């Protein structure tokens, strides 16, 4: 090889070794800390212990869900010389066979220093285990979520599983507040994942979560659930939903569904029982949606309560024929009468005079087609067809609550808007958070917007008061209180399209009519009889009458009559479950 070639080869090798040296310098000096951290993370294993979750309280500070301290029993197999002997001591206390405990006492690999033996052990059993002072056996507090009122508010609360993973309800919605920081055991492992016997383990104490204060009233919630369950049974309904809220603040006082479930044993209930119908289900609301058509038409000035229409008992709209609930001759009907007698044909004629664009505007203004802002897990926005997709028959469907799908919460919020002088207030479930010193930090105030003028809201209230006083809502009357509201009997949509022979019966309203403290809705799925005025309305009366008493709302008239009604109802006023 020529000298020139040797020089060239030498230069190339020198450059290569220089580059390798530079790379080694970067790895070992410049990036040393980063790679040390990567190596440490690869060697480190951690096991978490759940922190004590914050308590969920009702508006009065009564407990709805709480974490109770059970114990986790774990072993350090490297300290156990006689696994069979330890198993024989532990098995009777844990209700297990000795052979089933052997793997957790011998470990799964050489040098194993941590294995679970049993979880969520009763404190009494844990004390008996501790007194035995068994080598290599340790105990640590492990919170278990407990729901002391069993099924009460189950769809609101949700549940937490054995590992502390939240699944549903406010447990999931406010998990970042409730969960705290888990405790952690750190230890090092080799490249095969085996614990290094010479390495020490490090334990970090868990930090408990904050508690939350809900707007729910435990007593009103209990009575609402009981009355709803009675109604579902009495009217042979498939299911039922009821919601009570404060119109001025948006606070939800009670939210009940039947069927329900026990979050202490949630795994024994199916998805249908655990489904929160009040927020997750949508349905065509039928006649209670006439409130939106009426309010929109009054707001736009196209009608007044005394405006009259020539109303037949059926009306062709595009490819659809609208019928009233019973045959009648063509007659002149005022807007007031159309609503109090719940004329479908008359309401469609009001909707036609209002026009599709204006009706669509108010449908969205009331909040239909979007989530309410409650941010509850699984809440549906409802289904509202864009205006450009309306068919020729839409103006014959939507004014009477067909061709639009809503949630019960959206529907009661619209009635609360009318009750609140036309101001929509975002539904609210969180009243505040509570720290370890029992200091309450109030939740942010809910959003609000004006939907109707005060005058229009008052006019709708006057008409709805007559619906209860002399129209289809007679069964919603509460002695001593003026009630405003509207009945609904809506055909159920079939899965394949069209309508079947089953109905949703509903009543939505508020009381006292002129100074509303409560807005409420009751919905029954396929009751017998089918009519909202005969099933949902009396259920509404039963629930709201009790709620008015619980809130100490003074009668608006005839206090003596109200007192007699309370006394007559005394046997049904059961205490809330502890």
Protein backbone atom coordinates (compact mmCIF):
# COMPACT_ATOMS: atom_id res chain seq x y z
CA UNK A 1 0.00 0.00 0.00
CA UNK A 2 1.32 3.38 -1.02
CA UNK A 3 2.24 5.99 1.64
CA UNK A 4 -0.54 8.30 0.36
CA UNK A 5 -3.13 5.62 0.93
CA UNK A 6 -1.81 4.92 4.42
CA UNK A 7 -2.05 8.60 5.28
CA UNK A 8 -5.63 8.73 3.97
CA UNK A 9 -6.63 5.67 5.99
CA UNK A 10 -5.03 7.14 9.09
CA UNK A 11 -6.96 10.39 8.65
CA UNK A 12 -10.26 8.53 8.20
CA UNK A 13 -9.69 6.36 11.30
CA UNK A 14 -8.71 9.44 13.29
CA UNK A 15 -11.95 11.17 12.31
CA UNK A 16 -14.03 8.12 13.17
CA UNK A 17 -12.40 7.75 16.58
CA UNK A 18 -12.86 11.48 17.12
CA UNK A 19 -16.54 11.24 16.35
CA UNK A 20 -16.90 8.25 18.65
CA UNK A 21 -15.11 10.12 21.40
CA UNK A 22 -17.30 13.15 20.93
CA UNK A 23 -20.42 10.98 21.09
CA UNK A 24 -19.17 9.28 24.25
CA UNK A 25 -18.48 12.70 25.77
CA UNK A 26 -22.04 13.80 25.00
CA UNK A 27 -23.53 10.59 26.44
CA UNK A 28 -21.36 10.43 29.55
CA UNK A 29 -21.04 14.11 30.38
CA UNK A 30 -23.54 16.34 28.60
CA UNK A 31 -26.54 13.95 28.71
CA UNK A 32 -25.46 11.95 31.78
CA UNK A 33 -28.23 13.16 34.08
CA UNK A 34 -30.95 12.47 31.51
CA UNK A 35 -29.78 8.89 30.92
CA UNK A 36 -29.35 8.29 34.64
CA UNK A 37 -32.99 9.28 35.09
CA UNK A 38 -34.06 6.96 32.28
CA UNK A 39 -32.07 4.09 33.82
CA UNK A 40 -33.56 4.80 37.24
CA UNK A 41 -37.07 4.79 35.84
CA UNK A 42 -36.39 1.47 34.15
CA UNK A 43 -35.18 -0.04 37.43
CA UNK A 44 -37.89 1.50 39.60
CA UNK A 45 -41.23 -0.14 40.25
CA UNK A 46 -43.99 1.42 42.29
CA UNK A 47 -47.19 0.13 43.84
CA UNK A 48 -49.92 2.61 44.75
CA UNK A 49 -52.26 2.58 47.75
CA UNK A 50 -55.46 4.59 47.29
CA UNK A 51 -55.77 7.78 49.29
CA UNK A 52 -58.85 8.44 51.37
CA UNK A 53 -61.37 10.04 49.02
CA UNK A 54 -63.21 13.13 50.07
CA UNK A 55 -66.76 12.74 51.35
CA UNK A 56 -69.78 13.64 49.23
CA UNK A 57 -72.29 15.66 51.25
CA UNK A 58 -75.77 17.01 50.56
CA UNK A 59 -76.60 20.72 50.83
CA UNK A 60 -77.13 20.36 54.58
CA UNK A 61 -73.88 18.48 55.24
CA UNK A 62 -75.45 15.02 55.45
CA UNK A 63 -73.27 12.20 54.15
CA UNK A 64 -74.06 10.67 50.76
CA UNK A 65 -70.82 8.77 50.17
CA UNK A 66 -67.78 8.32 52.37
CA UNK A 67 -64.54 6.35 52.52
CA UNK A 68 -64.14 4.01 55.46
CA UNK A 69 -60.75 2.65 56.47
CA UNK A 70 -60.38 -1.05 55.82
CA UNK A 71 -56.99 -2.73 55.72
CA UNK A 72 -54.80 -4.28 53.09
CA UNK A 73 -52.71 -7.25 54.22
CA UNK A 74 -49.45 -7.65 52.33
CA UNK A 75 -46.31 -9.70 52.69
CA UNK A 76 -42.56 -9.41 52.29
CA UNK A 77 -41.80 -13.01 51.23
CA UNK A 78 -38.07 -12.48 51.79
CA UNK A 79 -38.79 -12.28 55.54
CA UNK A 80 -40.98 -15.41 55.71
CA UNK A 81 -39.10 -18.62 56.52
CA UNK A 82 -42.18 -20.81 57.14
CA UNK A 83 -44.87 -19.95 54.54
CA UNK A 84 -47.00 -22.97 55.47
CA UNK A 85 -47.02 -21.99 59.12
CA UNK A 86 -47.92 -18.37 58.37
CA UNK A 87 -50.66 -19.51 55.96
CA UNK A 88 -52.11 -21.77 58.66
CA UNK A 89 -52.30 -18.78 61.03
CA UNK A 90 -53.80 -16.37 58.48
CA UNK A 91 -56.29 -18.60 56.67
CA UNK A 92 -58.92 -18.92 59.44
CA UNK A 93 -58.91 -15.16 60.00
CA UNK A 94 -59.30 -14.36 56.30
CA UNK A 95 -61.81 -17.10 55.59
CA UNK A 96 -59.45 -18.72 53.09
CA UNK A 97 -57.81 -22.12 52.68
CA UNK A 98 -54.10 -22.15 53.66
CA UNK A 99 -53.03 -23.44 50.24
CA UNK A 100 -54.59 -20.41 48.52
CA UNK A 101 -52.31 -18.05 50.50
CA UNK A 102 -49.01 -19.82 49.78
CA UNK A 103 -48.20 -17.95 46.49
CA UNK A 104 -48.53 -14.57 48.19
CA UNK A 105 -46.24 -15.71 51.02
CA UNK A 106 -43.50 -17.33 48.93
CA UNK A 107 -43.41 -14.66 46.23
CA UNK A 108 -43.47 -14.96 42.48
CA UNK A 109 -39.71 -14.59 41.96
CA UNK A 110 -36.48 -14.73 43.91
CA UNK A 111 -36.04 -11.69 46.14
CA UNK A 112 -39.74 -10.71 45.97
CA UNK A 113 -40.46 -8.20 48.76
CA UNK A 114 -44.10 -7.29 48.11
CA UNK A 115 -47.25 -9.33 47.50
CA UNK A 116 -50.90 -8.62 48.28
CA UNK A 117 -52.39 -11.19 50.66
CA UNK A 118 -55.89 -9.71 51.11
CA UNK A 119 -57.58 -6.39 50.41
CA UNK A 120 -60.38 -4.44 52.09
CA UNK A 121 -60.09 -6.47 55.27
CA UNK A 122 -62.43 -5.62 58.14
CA UNK A 123 -60.65 -3.60 60.87
CA UNK A 124 -61.53 -6.20 63.52
CA UNK A 125 -59.94 -8.98 61.49
CA UNK A 126 -56.92 -6.76 60.80
CA UNK A 127 -56.41 -6.21 64.55
CA UNK A 128 -56.43 -9.96 65.19
CA UNK A 129 -53.84 -10.42 62.43
CA UNK A 130 -51.66 -7.66 63.86
CA UNK A 131 -51.74 -9.22 67.33
CA UNK A 132 -50.21 -12.41 65.94
CA UNK A 133 -47.07 -10.47 64.88
CA UNK A 134 -46.42 -12.86 62.01
CA UNK A 135 -43.01 -12.43 60.33
CA UNK A 136 -43.18 -10.74 56.94
CA UNK A 137 -46.87 -9.80 57.29
CA UNK A 138 -47.80 -6.12 57.25
CA UNK A 139 -50.99 -4.06 57.25
CA UNK A 140 -51.81 -0.71 55.72
CA UNK A 141 -54.99 1.34 55.72
CA UNK A 142 -56.98 1.03 52.47
CA UNK A 143 -60.07 3.19 52.06
CA UNK A 144 -63.25 1.58 50.74
CA UNK A 145 -66.03 3.69 49.28
CA UNK A 146 -69.25 3.27 51.23
CA UNK A 147 -72.71 4.58 50.43
CA UNK A 148 -74.58 4.69 53.76
CA UNK A 149 -77.98 5.38 52.18
CA UNK A 150 -77.83 2.38 49.84
CA UNK A 151 -79.75 3.30 46.66
CA UNK A 152 -80.32 6.96 47.52
CA UNK A 153 -79.18 9.25 44.68
CA UNK A 154 -77.34 6.32 43.10
CA UNK A 155 -77.48 7.71 39.55
CA UNK A 156 -76.06 11.01 40.75
CA UNK A 157 -73.33 9.59 42.96
CA UNK A 158 -72.04 6.83 40.69
CA UNK A 159 -69.55 4.42 42.28
CA UNK A 160 -65.88 3.58 42.87
CA UNK A 161 -64.40 0.10 42.43
CA UNK A 162 -62.02 -1.77 44.71
CA UNK A 163 -58.92 -0.20 43.13
CA UNK A 164 -60.29 3.30 43.60
CA UNK A 165 -61.09 3.72 39.91
CA UNK A 166 -64.14 5.92 39.46
CA UNK A 167 -66.79 4.77 37.06
CA UNK A 168 -69.80 7.07 36.95
CA UNK A 169 -71.65 10.02 38.47
CA UNK A 170 -70.22 12.82 40.59
CA UNK A 171 -67.52 10.39 41.74
CA UNK A 172 -66.21 10.62 38.18
CA UNK A 173 -67.20 14.23 37.49
CA UNK A 174 -65.33 15.61 40.51
CA UNK A 175 -62.68 12.94 40.79
CA UNK A 176 -59.85 15.47 40.60
CA UNK A 177 -61.22 17.07 43.78
CA UNK A 178 -62.15 13.88 45.64
CA UNK A 179 -59.29 11.49 44.87
CA UNK A 180 -56.35 13.12 46.69
CA UNK A 181 -52.89 11.67 46.07
CA UNK A 182 -52.32 7.92 46.49
CA UNK A 183 -49.64 6.48 48.72
CA UNK A 184 -46.76 4.78 46.89
CA UNK A 185 -44.22 2.05 47.65
CA UNK A 186 -41.05 2.44 45.49
CA UNK A 187 -38.50 -0.33 45.00
CA UNK A 188 -35.83 -1.23 42.42
CA UNK A 189 -35.91 -4.23 40.10
CA UNK A 190 -33.40 -5.94 37.82
CA UNK A 191 -33.71 -6.23 34.04
CA UNK A 192 -36.12 -9.16 34.47
CA UNK A 193 -38.43 -7.18 36.75
CA UNK A 194 -37.26 -8.99 39.90
CA UNK A 195 -36.95 -6.89 43.04
CA UNK A 196 -33.35 -6.23 44.08
CA UNK A 197 -32.99 -7.79 47.55
CA UNK A 198 -30.27 -5.36 48.62
CA UNK A 199 -32.31 -2.28 47.69
CA UNK A 200 -34.51 -0.52 50.21
CA UNK A 201 -38.17 0.24 49.50
CA UNK A 202 -39.54 3.74 50.08
CA UNK A 203 -43.12 4.47 51.22
CA UNK A 204 -44.89 7.79 50.58
CA UNK A 205 -47.96 8.55 52.68
CA UNK A 206 -51.23 9.14 50.77
CA UNK A 207 -52.79 12.62 50.84
CA UNK A 208 -56.57 12.63 51.36
CA UNK A 209 -58.91 14.31 48.87
CA UNK A 210 -61.24 17.24 49.44
CA UNK A 211 -64.93 16.75 50.17
CA UNK A 212 -67.69 18.19 48.01
CA UNK A 213 -71.02 19.71 48.95
CA UNK A 214 -73.86 19.03 46.52
CA UNK A 215 -77.03 21.03 45.97
CA UNK A 216 -79.08 17.87 46.57
CA UNK A 217 -81.35 17.80 49.63
CA UNK A 218 -81.15 14.31 51.08
CA UNK A 219 -84.68 14.30 52.49
CA UNK A 220 -86.27 15.67 49.32
CA UNK A 221 -84.22 13.22 47.24
CA UNK A 222 -85.44 10.31 49.35
CA UNK A 223 -89.08 11.29 49.16
CA UNK A 224 -88.83 11.96 45.41
CA UNK A 225 -87.39 8.50 44.83
CA UNK A 226 -90.04 6.86 47.01
CA UNK A 227 -92.94 8.70 45.35
CA UNK A 228 -91.57 7.97 41.88
CA UNK A 229 -91.13 4.27 42.66
CA UNK A 230 -94.71 4.14 43.97
CA UNK A 231 -95.96 5.80 40.77
CA UNK A 232 -94.07 3.40 38.51
CA UNK A 233 -95.61 0.51 40.41
CA UNK A 234 -99.13 1.98 40.65
CA UNK A 235 -99.34 2.87 36.96
CA UNK A 236 -97.45 -0.22 35.77
CA UNK A 237 -94.84 1.92 34.02
CA UNK A 238 -91.57 0.61 32.61
CA UNK A 239 -89.51 3.36 34.24
CA UNK A 240 -89.73 6.87 35.61
CA UNK A 241 -87.75 10.08 36.09
CA UNK A 242 -88.26 13.10 38.34
CA UNK A 243 -86.17 16.25 38.79
CA UNK A 244 -86.61 19.17 41.17
CA UNK A 245 -84.61 22.38 40.90
CA UNK A 246 -84.55 25.97 42.14
CA UNK A 247 -85.41 28.31 39.24
CA UNK A 248 -83.43 31.32 40.52
CA UNK A 249 -80.18 29.47 41.20
CA UNK A 250 -80.29 26.40 38.95
CA UNK A 251 -79.63 24.19 42.01
CA UNK A 252 -80.83 20.63 41.57
CA UNK A 253 -82.62 19.56 44.76
CA UNK A 254 -83.47 16.02 43.67
CA UNK A 255 -82.90 13.83 40.63
CA UNK A 256 -84.46 10.38 40.66
CA UNK A 257 -84.73 7.47 38.25
CA UNK A 258 -86.57 4.17 38.53
CA UNK A 259 -85.15 1.56 38.27
CA UNK A 260 -82.11 2.42 40.37
CA UNK A 261 -79.21 0.49 41.91
CA UNK A 262 -77.09 0.14 45.04
CA UNK A 263 -73.60 1.57 44.44
CA UNK A 264 -72.26 -0.60 47.29
CA UNK A 265 -72.85 -3.62 45.03
CA UNK A 266 -72.96 -1.99 41.61
CA UNK A 267 -71.64 -5.05 39.77
CA UNK A 268 -74.83 -6.99 40.53
CA UNK A 269 -76.93 -4.48 38.53
CA UNK A 270 -77.15 -4.24 34.76
CA UNK A 271 -76.56 -1.20 32.57
CA UNK A 272 -80.27 -0.47 32.25
CA UNK A 273 -80.61 -0.13 36.03
CA UNK A 274 -77.49 2.03 36.25
CA UNK A 275 -78.45 4.32 33.36
CA UNK A 276 -79.15 7.90 34.37
CA UNK A 277 -82.31 8.47 32.33
CA UNK A 278 -82.65 12.08 33.50
CA UNK A 279 -79.46 13.11 31.68
CA UNK A 280 -78.49 10.37 29.25
CA UNK A 281 -81.84 9.47 27.67
CA UNK A 282 -83.62 11.56 25.05
CA UNK A 283 -87.29 11.38 24.18
CA UNK A 284 -89.85 13.34 22.19
CA UNK A 285 -91.53 15.44 24.89
CA UNK A 286 -94.95 15.93 23.32
CA UNK A 287 -97.32 18.54 24.73
CA UNK A 288 -95.09 19.90 27.49
CA UNK A 289 -92.98 21.29 24.63
CA UNK A 290 -95.91 23.55 23.72
CA UNK A 291 -94.49 25.89 26.35
CA UNK A 292 -91.68 26.73 23.91
CA UNK A 293 -94.08 27.39 21.02
CA UNK A 294 -96.30 29.57 23.20
CA UNK A 295 -93.41 31.56 24.69
CA UNK A 296 -91.84 32.11 21.25
CA UNK A 297 -95.10 33.26 19.66
CA UNK A 298 -95.82 35.68 22.52
CA UNK A 299 -92.24 37.01 22.40
CA UNK A 300 -92.43 37.67 18.67
CA UNK A 301 -95.78 39.38 19.08
CA UNK A 302 -97.58 37.17 16.57
CA UNK A 303 -100.26 36.20 19.13
CA UNK A 304 -101.71 37.26 22.46
CA UNK A 305 -103.59 35.04 24.91
CA UNK A 306 -106.86 36.26 23.37
CA UNK A 307 -105.86 35.75 19.73
CA UNK A 308 -108.26 33.29 18.11
CA UNK A 309 -107.87 30.61 15.49
CA UNK A 310 -110.44 28.52 13.62
CA UNK A 311 -109.40 25.09 14.80
CA UNK A 312 -110.59 21.81 13.21
CA UNK A 313 -109.89 18.50 14.94
CA UNK A 314 -107.30 17.58 12.29
CA UNK A 315 -104.93 19.46 10.03
CA UNK A 316 -102.90 18.40 6.99
CA UNK A 317 -99.29 19.64 7.14
CA UNK A 318 -97.27 18.47 4.14
CA UNK A 319 -97.40 14.67 4.23
CA UNK A 320 -98.69 14.49 7.80
CA UNK A 321 -102.12 14.82 9.39
CA UNK A 322 -102.16 16.40 12.88
CA UNK A 323 -105.00 15.25 15.15
CA UNK A 324 -106.38 16.59 18.40
CA UNK A 325 -106.71 14.07 21.22
CA UNK A 326 -110.46 13.72 20.63
CA UNK A 327 -112.81 14.64 17.76
CA UNK A 328 -114.55 18.02 17.87
CA UNK A 329 -116.29 20.33 15.41
CA UNK A 330 -114.32 23.16 13.85
CA UNK A 331 -114.46 26.01 16.32
CA UNK A 332 -112.91 29.32 17.27
CA UNK A 333 -110.34 28.88 20.01
CA UNK A 334 -108.22 31.48 21.76
CA UNK A 335 -104.52 30.87 22.37
CA UNK A 336 -105.36 30.61 26.07
CA UNK A 337 -107.87 27.84 25.39
CA UNK A 338 -105.59 26.09 22.89
CA UNK A 339 -102.98 25.66 25.61
CA UNK A 340 -105.26 24.92 28.57
CA UNK A 341 -107.06 22.23 26.56
CA UNK A 342 -103.79 21.13 24.89
CA UNK A 343 -105.02 21.31 21.31
CA UNK A 344 -102.40 19.89 18.96
CA UNK A 345 -104.01 21.42 15.88
CA UNK A 346 -104.33 24.84 17.52
CA UNK A 347 -100.70 24.79 18.68
CA UNK A 348 -99.49 23.86 15.19
CA UNK A 349 -101.46 26.78 13.78
CA UNK A 350 -99.73 29.06 16.31
CA UNK A 351 -96.40 27.58 15.20
CA UNK A 352 -97.21 28.18 11.55
CA UNK A 353 -97.99 31.82 12.27
CA UNK A 354 -94.73 32.13 14.19
CA UNK A 355 -92.70 30.57 11.38
CA UNK A 356 -89.95 27.98 11.26
CA UNK A 357 -87.02 30.38 11.63
CA UNK A 358 -88.34 32.06 14.78
CA UNK A 359 -89.39 28.75 16.34
CA UNK A 360 -85.95 27.25 15.67
CA UNK A 361 -84.34 30.31 17.26
CA UNK A 362 -86.25 29.89 20.52
CA UNK A 363 -85.74 26.12 20.59
CA UNK A 364 -82.00 26.76 20.67
CA UNK A 365 -82.35 29.81 22.93
CA UNK A 366 -83.95 27.60 25.58
CA UNK A 367 -80.93 25.28 25.35
CA UNK A 368 -82.25 22.33 23.38
CA UNK A 369 -79.70 20.59 21.16
CA UNK A 370 -76.73 21.41 23.43
CA UNK A 371 -75.61 20.09 26.85
CA UNK A 372 -76.97 22.03 29.79
CA UNK A 373 -73.56 22.97 31.19
CA UNK A 374 -73.86 20.59 34.12
CA UNK A 375 -70.93 18.62 32.60
CA UNK A 376 -72.28 15.39 34.04
CA UNK A 377 -70.69 12.22 32.62
CA UNK A 378 -72.82 10.77 29.83
CA UNK A 379 -75.12 13.79 29.50
CA UNK A 380 -76.81 13.94 26.09
CA UNK A 381 -77.20 17.20 24.15
CA UNK A 382 -80.54 16.04 22.77
CA UNK A 383 -81.39 15.99 19.07
CA UNK A 384 -82.51 19.12 17.24
CA UNK A 385 -82.53 19.03 13.45
CA UNK A 386 -80.78 22.02 11.81
CA UNK A 387 -83.26 24.46 10.30
CA UNK A 388 -81.97 23.78 6.78
CA UNK A 389 -82.83 20.09 7.27
CA UNK A 390 -86.44 20.68 8.30
CA UNK A 391 -88.95 18.84 6.15
CA UNK A 392 -92.31 20.16 5.06
CA UNK A 393 -93.98 18.51 8.05
CA UNK A 394 -91.46 19.80 10.64
CA UNK A 395 -93.58 22.89 11.33
CA UNK A 396 -96.40 20.46 12.11
CA UNK A 397 -94.28 18.30 14.40
CA UNK A 398 -91.93 20.50 16.39
CA UNK A 399 -94.52 22.93 17.84
CA UNK A 400 -96.18 19.98 19.62
CA UNK A 401 -92.94 18.31 20.76
CA UNK A 402 -92.41 15.78 18.01
CA UNK A 403 -89.43 15.64 15.66
CA UNK A 404 -87.23 16.95 18.48
CA UNK A 405 -85.60 14.88 21.23
CA UNK A 406 -84.73 16.30 24.64
CA UNK A 407 -83.44 15.16 28.00
CA UNK A 408 -85.61 15.50 31.11
CA UNK A 409 -83.04 17.96 32.54
CA UNK A 410 -83.27 20.19 29.45
CA UNK A 411 -87.06 20.14 29.71
CA UNK A 412 -87.26 21.08 33.39
CA UNK A 413 -84.62 23.78 32.79
CA UNK A 414 -86.91 25.37 30.19
CA UNK A 415 -89.77 25.50 32.69
CA UNK A 416 -87.41 26.90 35.33
CA UNK A 417 -86.55 29.63 32.81
CA UNK A 418 -90.20 30.65 32.54
CA UNK A 419 -90.55 30.46 36.32
CA UNK A 420 -87.49 32.71 36.73
CA UNK A 421 -89.05 35.64 34.83
CA UNK A 422 -87.56 34.46 31.55
CA UNK A 423 -83.93 34.05 32.69
CA UNK A 424 -82.28 30.69 31.97
CA UNK A 425 -79.85 29.60 34.70
CA UNK A 426 -77.37 26.81 34.10
CA UNK A 427 -78.28 23.70 36.15
CA UNK A 428 -76.03 23.32 39.15
CA UNK A 429 -75.09 20.27 41.21
CA UNK A 430 -71.94 21.39 43.04
CA UNK A 431 -72.48 23.82 45.92
CA UNK A 432 -68.85 23.92 47.00
CA UNK A 433 -65.76 22.04 48.18
CA UNK A 434 -64.69 21.40 51.77
CA UNK A 435 -61.08 21.27 52.96
CA UNK A 436 -59.58 19.45 55.93
CA UNK A 437 -60.43 22.33 58.25
CA UNK A 438 -64.12 22.14 57.25
CA UNK A 439 -63.84 25.44 55.39
CA UNK A 440 -66.28 25.62 52.47
CA UNK A 441 -65.19 27.16 49.20
CA UNK A 442 -68.35 27.99 47.22
CA UNK A 443 -68.62 26.79 43.63
CA UNK A 444 -68.52 29.30 40.81
CA UNK A 445 -71.90 30.90 40.12
CA UNK A 446 -73.79 29.33 37.21
CA UNK A 447 -74.05 30.99 33.81
CA UNK A 448 -77.32 32.69 32.93
CA UNK A 449 -78.99 34.44 30.01
CA UNK A 450 -82.30 36.10 29.30
CA UNK A 451 -84.53 34.07 27.01
CA UNK A 452 -87.90 35.78 27.48
CA UNK A 453 -89.00 39.16 28.70
CA UNK A 454 -90.44 39.31 32.19
CA UNK A 455 -93.83 40.17 30.72
CA UNK A 456 -93.91 37.17 28.37
CA UNK A 457 -92.81 34.82 31.16
CA UNK A 458 -95.62 36.20 33.33
CA UNK A 459 -98.19 35.68 30.60
CA UNK A 460 -97.08 32.06 30.07
CA UNK A 461 -97.32 31.55 33.83
CA UNK A 462 -100.87 32.92 33.87
CA UNK A 463 -101.91 30.48 31.14
CA UNK A 464 -100.12 27.55 32.80
CA UNK A 465 -101.79 28.39 36.11
CA UNK A 466 -105.12 27.97 34.33
CA UNK A 467 -103.91 24.67 32.82
CA UNK A 468 -103.73 23.39 36.41
CA UNK A 469 -106.74 25.32 37.65
CA UNK A 470 -109.21 24.44 34.91
CA UNK A 471 -107.49 22.51 32.13
CA UNK A 472 -105.67 19.20 31.68
CA UNK A 473 -103.49 19.60 34.80
CA UNK A 474 -106.19 19.43 37.50
CA UNK A 475 -104.46 16.52 39.25
CA UNK A 476 -101.36 18.67 39.86
CA UNK A 477 -103.22 21.07 42.16
CA UNK A 478 -101.62 21.47 45.60
CA UNK A 479 -103.88 22.73 48.40
CA UNK A 480 -102.80 26.20 49.53
CA UNK A 481 -100.46 26.82 46.56
CA UNK A 482 -100.91 28.05 43.02
CA UNK A 483 -99.25 25.69 40.57
CA UNK A 484 -98.34 26.46 36.95
CA UNK A 485 -97.56 23.68 34.55
CA UNK A 486 -98.36 21.61 31.50
CA UNK A 487 -99.30 18.00 30.87
CA UNK A 488 -97.78 15.84 28.16
CA UNK A 489 -98.73 12.53 26.53
CA UNK A 490 -96.17 11.72 23.85
CA UNK A 491 -96.06 8.75 21.51
CA UNK A 492 -92.82 6.79 21.74
CA UNK A 493 -90.66 6.62 18.64
CA UNK A 494 -89.99 3.13 17.32
CA UNK A 495 -86.41 2.03 16.70
CA UNK A 496 -87.20 1.49 13.03
CA UNK A 497 -88.89 4.90 12.75
CA UNK A 498 -92.45 6.07 13.13
CA UNK A 499 -94.58 5.86 16.25
CA UNK A 500 -95.90 2.91 18.22
CA UNK A 501 -98.70 2.39 20.69
CA UNK A 502 -96.70 3.26 23.83
CA UNK A 503 -96.49 6.71 25.39
CA UNK A 504 -94.43 8.88 27.70
CA UNK A 505 -96.67 10.59 30.23
CA UNK A 506 -95.26 13.77 31.73
CA UNK A 507 -95.97 16.86 33.76
CA UNK A 508 -93.66 19.85 34.07
CA UNK A 509 -94.37 22.89 36.20
CA UNK A 510 -93.45 25.09 39.13
CA UNK A 511 -94.81 26.35 42.43
CA UNK A 512 -95.84 28.72 43.85
CA UNK A 513 -96.82 30.02 40.42
CA UNK A 514 -96.18 33.72 41.11
CA UNK A 515 -93.15 33.30 43.39
CA UNK A 516 -91.65 30.00 42.22
CA UNK A 517 -89.36 28.15 44.62
CA UNK A 518 -89.41 24.81 42.81
CA UNK A 519 -89.51 23.76 39.16
CA UNK A 520 -90.09 20.05 38.60
CA UNK A 521 -90.76 17.41 35.99
CA UNK A 522 -92.13 13.88 36.25
CA UNK A 523 -91.94 11.45 33.32
CA UNK A 524 -93.40 7.93 33.28
CA UNK A 525 -92.58 5.46 30.51
CA UNK A 526 -95.63 3.56 29.22
CA UNK A 527 -97.95 3.97 32.22
CA UNK A 528 -101.58 2.87 32.45
CA UNK A 529 -103.53 5.06 31.87
CA UNK A 530 -101.32 6.71 29.28
CA UNK A 531 -102.25 10.33 30.01
CA UNK A 532 -99.83 12.68 31.74
CA UNK A 533 -102.72 14.47 33.43
CA UNK A 534 -103.81 11.25 35.14
CA UNK A 535 -100.41 9.75 36.05
CA UNK A 536 -97.50 12.19 36.00
CA UNK A 537 -99.55 15.16 37.29
CA UNK A 538 -100.64 13.51 40.59
CA UNK A 539 -97.08 12.23 41.07
CA UNK A 540 -95.80 15.80 40.59
CA UNK A 541 -98.32 17.01 43.18
CA UNK A 542 -97.23 14.39 45.73
CA UNK A 543 -93.53 15.20 45.32
CA UNK A 544 -93.73 18.99 45.11
CA UNK A 545 -96.17 19.27 48.02
CA UNK A 546 -93.64 17.55 50.26
CA UNK A 547 -90.75 19.61 48.86
CA UNK A 548 -92.56 22.89 49.56
CA UNK A 549 -93.02 21.79 53.14
CA UNK A 550 -89.37 20.76 53.50
CA UNK A 551 -88.28 24.16 52.20
CA UNK A 552 -90.73 25.95 54.51
CA UNK A 553 -92.41 27.74 51.61
CA UNK A 554 -95.45 29.65 52.87
CA UNK A 555 -98.84 28.90 51.25
CA UNK A 556 -99.96 31.46 48.68
CA UNK A 557 -103.62 31.18 49.68
CA UNK A 558 -105.89 29.29 52.04
CA UNK A 559 -103.26 28.27 54.59
CA UNK A 560 -105.86 26.26 56.51
CA UNK A 561 -106.42 24.07 53.46
CA UNK A 562 -102.67 23.56 53.11
CA UNK A 563 -102.36 22.49 56.77
CA UNK A 564 -105.18 19.96 56.36
CA UNK A 565 -103.50 18.53 53.27
CA UNK A 566 -100.20 18.16 55.14
CA UNK A 567 -101.90 16.41 58.04
CA UNK A 568 -103.70 14.07 55.65
CA UNK A 569 -100.41 13.24 53.99
CA UNK A 570 -98.51 12.77 57.24
CA UNK A 571 -98.45 8.98 57.07
CA UNK A 572 -96.52 9.10 53.81
CA UNK A 573 -93.86 11.52 55.02
CA UNK A 574 -91.14 9.00 55.77
CA UNK A 575 -87.73 9.91 57.19
CA UNK A 576 -84.73 9.72 54.95
CA UNK A 577 -82.50 6.69 55.19
CA UNK A 578 -79.36 7.05 57.26
